[in-house]
Amino acid sequence: MRRSLLALVAAILLAACNQGGDEQGNAPATAAPNDADVTFTQNMIPHHQQAIEMAKLVDSHTKRPQLRTLADAIAASQGQEITLMQGWLRTWGKPATPEGMDHGAMQMPGMMSEADMRQLRLSNDEDFDLLFLDMMTAHHRGALEMADTELRDGALPEVKELAQQIIDAQQGEIGQFKQWQQDWKPTPIK
């Protein structure tokens, strides 16, 4: 009987040791998010919301079809990412906003002030186009900074994967913005 009891205890201990991860002791794939994952997700949602707000201005403020196409793509992709991140926060049991803070009070890299947004809303045509490109470039650079922090400090592979997707997409868009800025800048009158 004593031998059976020892064998049973050994089997339970062995099973418990193998539950936490693989043979190298790595964390299981279903690990909980760390603070960096939660912060990235909570902050990227309003960051994306502002980018969508900026993109929605394009249709009524420009005549350039290529800028309209890009703005539609930004609004669609970032809208899908917001839905994904909101789902993660619900699953994790975390609030959409860090406790004790509202997003208006938060300083996130690349966020435009209300004065910046007012200036964008009041501009049109070529002035709007160039201002939009400048502002969206700064906004995207802020997102890249946030995504880099997640890649460095985050724990969950799916959150890090989203951070890398954001980096890949927004670096490509910044390259396009630079090209358009060169192409669309007015030629000085001599």
Protein backbone atom coordinates (compact mmCIF):
# COMPACT_ATOMS: atom_id res chain seq x y z
CA MET A 1 0.00 0.00 0.00
CA ARG A 2 2.81 2.34 0.91
CA ARG A 3 4.50 1.69 -2.45
CA SER A 4 1.23 2.47 -4.33
CA LEU A 5 0.83 5.70 -2.41
CA LEU A 6 4.43 6.76 -3.22
CA ALA A 7 3.92 5.90 -6.89
CA LEU A 8 0.69 7.93 -6.95
CA VAL A 9 2.36 10.94 -5.29
CA ALA A 10 5.31 10.70 -7.71
CA ALA A 11 2.93 10.58 -10.71
CA ILE A 12 1.00 13.64 -9.44
CA LEU A 13 4.23 15.59 -8.83
CA LEU A 14 5.57 14.67 -12.25
CA ALA A 15 2.34 15.75 -13.92
CA ALA A 16 2.34 19.02 -11.99
CA CYS A 17 5.92 19.76 -13.03
CA ASN A 18 5.02 19.30 -16.70
CA GLN A 19 1.91 21.51 -16.56
CA GLY A 20 3.71 24.86 -16.44
CA GLY A 21 5.54 24.64 -19.74
CA ASP A 22 7.80 22.58 -21.91
CA GLU A 23 10.94 20.63 -21.00
CA GLN A 24 13.03 23.81 -20.91
CA GLY A 25 10.70 25.35 -18.33
CA ASN A 26 9.24 27.96 -20.68
CA ALA A 27 5.92 29.53 -19.80
CA PRO A 28 2.85 27.92 -21.35
CA ALA A 29 1.37 29.44 -24.50
CA THR A 30 -1.76 30.45 -22.58
CA ALA A 31 0.11 32.68 -20.12
CA ALA A 32 -1.57 35.77 -18.74
CA PRO A 33 -0.59 39.16 -20.15
CA ASN A 34 2.09 41.13 -18.38
CA ASP A 35 1.86 44.86 -17.65
CA ALA A 36 3.49 45.75 -21.00
CA ASP A 37 0.87 43.73 -22.93
CA VAL A 38 -1.99 45.43 -21.08
CA THR A 39 -0.51 48.93 -21.36
CA PHE A 40 0.20 48.52 -25.08
CA THR A 41 -3.34 47.30 -25.73
CA GLN A 42 -5.04 49.96 -23.60
CA ASN A 43 -3.00 52.75 -25.19
CA MET A 44 -3.07 51.55 -28.79
CA ILE A 45 -6.89 51.61 -28.88
CA PRO A 46 -7.25 55.43 -28.49
CA HIS A 47 -4.13 55.90 -30.62
CA HIS A 48 -5.82 53.98 -33.45
CA GLN A 49 -9.10 55.81 -32.80
CA GLN A 50 -7.39 59.14 -33.42
CA ALA A 51 -5.80 57.82 -36.64
CA ILE A 52 -9.28 56.77 -37.81
CA GLU A 53 -10.65 60.20 -36.90
CA MET A 54 -7.91 61.79 -39.02
CA ALA A 55 -8.49 59.35 -41.89
CA LYS A 56 -12.22 60.11 -41.94
CA LEU A 57 -11.46 63.76 -42.69
CA VAL A 58 -9.69 62.88 -45.93
CA ASP A 59 -12.75 62.27 -48.11
CA SER A 60 -14.19 65.74 -47.58
CA HIS A 61 -10.89 67.65 -47.53
CA THR A 62 -8.90 66.41 -50.54
CA LYS A 63 -9.26 65.71 -54.22
CA ARG A 64 -6.45 63.12 -54.32
CA PRO A 65 -7.86 59.62 -54.91
CA GLN A 66 -4.67 57.91 -53.71
CA LEU A 67 -4.94 59.69 -50.34
CA ARG A 68 -8.59 58.65 -50.08
CA THR A 69 -7.68 55.02 -50.80
CA LEU A 70 -4.95 55.07 -48.16
CA ALA A 71 -7.23 56.71 -45.59
CA ASP A 72 -9.90 54.04 -46.20
CA ALA A 73 -7.27 51.33 -45.68
CA ILE A 74 -6.05 52.95 -42.43
CA ALA A 75 -9.60 53.22 -41.08
CA ALA A 76 -10.43 49.62 -42.00
CA SER A 77 -7.27 47.96 -40.70
CA GLN A 78 -7.03 49.97 -37.51
CA GLY A 79 -10.74 49.46 -36.85
CA GLN A 80 -10.21 45.70 -37.04
CA GLU A 81 -7.22 45.96 -34.70
CA ILE A 82 -9.29 47.98 -32.19
CA THR A 83 -11.93 45.23 -32.16
CA LEU A 84 -9.23 42.60 -31.60
CA MET A 85 -7.61 44.55 -28.75
CA GLN A 86 -10.96 45.27 -27.07
CA GLY A 87 -11.63 41.53 -27.13
CA TRP A 88 -8.27 40.82 -25.50
CA LEU A 89 -8.96 43.31 -22.72
CA ARG A 90 -12.36 41.71 -22.05
CA THR A 91 -10.78 38.24 -22.02
CA TRP A 92 -8.07 39.43 -19.62
CA GLY A 93 -10.63 41.13 -17.37
CA LYS A 94 -8.86 44.48 -17.84
CA PRO A 95 -10.51 47.87 -18.31
CA ALA A 96 -10.32 49.64 -21.65
CA THR A 97 -8.68 52.56 -19.85
CA PRO A 98 -6.03 52.24 -17.15
CA GLU A 99 -7.61 52.72 -13.74
CA GLY A 100 -7.66 56.29 -12.53
CA MET A 101 -6.93 57.72 -15.98
CA ASP A 102 -8.92 58.80 -18.95
CA HIS A 103 -7.27 58.69 -22.34
CA GLY A 104 -7.61 62.44 -22.79
CA ALA A 105 -5.19 62.94 -19.89
CA MET A 106 -2.65 60.45 -21.21
CA GLN A 107 0.42 61.46 -23.13
CA MET A 108 1.07 58.88 -25.81
CA PRO A 109 3.72 59.19 -28.48
CA GLY A 110 2.43 60.70 -31.71
CA MET A 111 -0.96 61.79 -30.42
CA MET A 112 -2.25 65.05 -31.88
CA SER A 113 -3.51 67.80 -29.62
CA GLU A 114 -7.01 69.19 -29.99
CA ALA A 115 -5.43 72.30 -31.59
CA ASP A 116 -3.68 70.08 -34.15
CA MET A 117 -6.94 68.31 -34.94
CA ARG A 118 -8.77 71.64 -35.28
CA GLN A 119 -6.10 72.87 -37.72
CA LEU A 120 -6.47 69.69 -39.78
CA ARG A 121 -10.28 70.01 -39.84
CA LEU A 122 -10.02 73.63 -41.03
CA SER A 123 -7.58 72.97 -43.89
CA ASN A 124 -8.46 71.89 -47.43
CA ASP A 125 -6.97 70.63 -50.66
CA GLU A 126 -3.17 70.89 -50.92
CA ASP A 127 -2.83 72.44 -47.45
CA PHE A 128 -4.83 69.58 -45.98
CA ASP A 129 -2.90 66.95 -47.94
CA LEU A 130 0.52 68.09 -46.71
CA LEU A 131 -0.67 68.70 -43.14
CA PHE A 132 -2.34 65.29 -43.06
CA LEU A 133 0.86 63.62 -44.25
CA ASP A 134 2.95 65.47 -41.64
CA MET A 135 0.54 64.66 -38.83
CA MET A 136 -0.02 61.05 -39.81
CA THR A 137 3.74 60.52 -40.09
CA ALA A 138 4.20 61.81 -36.52
CA HIS A 139 1.23 59.72 -35.39
CA HIS A 140 2.63 56.57 -37.00
CA ARG A 141 6.07 57.18 -35.48
CA GLY A 142 4.39 57.27 -32.08
CA ALA A 143 2.73 53.93 -32.81
CA LEU A 144 6.09 52.49 -33.86
CA GLU A 145 7.58 53.58 -30.54
CA MET A 146 4.73 51.93 -28.62
CA ALA A 147 5.01 48.75 -30.70
CA ASP A 148 8.79 48.61 -30.15
CA THR A 149 8.19 48.78 -26.40
CA GLU A 150 5.73 45.88 -26.65
CA LEU A 151 8.21 43.79 -28.64
CA ARG A 152 10.88 44.45 -26.02
CA ASP A 153 8.80 44.11 -22.83
CA GLY A 154 5.64 42.17 -23.73
CA ALA A 155 4.99 38.53 -22.91
CA LEU A 156 2.12 37.27 -25.06
CA PRO A 157 3.04 36.13 -28.57
CA GLU A 158 -0.26 37.29 -30.09
CA VAL A 159 0.21 40.84 -28.74
CA LYS A 160 3.81 40.93 -29.94
CA GLU A 161 2.64 39.67 -33.33
CA LEU A 162 0.16 42.56 -33.58
CA ALA A 163 2.92 45.00 -32.56
CA GLN A 164 5.09 43.66 -35.40
CA GLN A 165 2.20 43.93 -37.88
CA ILE A 166 1.72 47.57 -36.83
CA ILE A 167 5.43 48.24 -37.34
CA ASP A 168 5.45 46.61 -40.77
CA ALA A 169 2.31 48.38 -42.01
CA GLN A 170 3.06 51.81 -40.63
CA GLN A 171 6.70 51.88 -41.71
CA GLY A 172 5.48 51.16 -45.24
CA GLU A 173 2.90 53.93 -44.99
CA ILE A 174 5.50 56.41 -43.71
CA GLY A 175 7.60 55.61 -46.79
CA GLN A 176 4.58 56.36 -48.99
CA PHE A 177 3.91 59.60 -47.10
CA LYS A 178 7.50 60.78 -47.70
CA GLN A 179 7.20 60.09 -51.41
CA TRP A 180 3.91 61.97 -51.67
CA GLN A 181 5.31 64.89 -49.69
CA GLN A 182 8.13 65.21 -52.22
CA ASP A 183 5.76 64.85 -55.17
CA TRP A 184 3.08 67.22 -53.85
CA LYS A 185 5.16 70.05 -52.37
CA PRO A 186 4.51 73.22 -54.30
CA THR A 187 7.37 74.42 -56.45
CA PRO A 188 8.67 77.78 -55.22
CA ILE A 189 7.94 80.67 -57.55
CA LYS A 190 11.14 82.23 -58.88
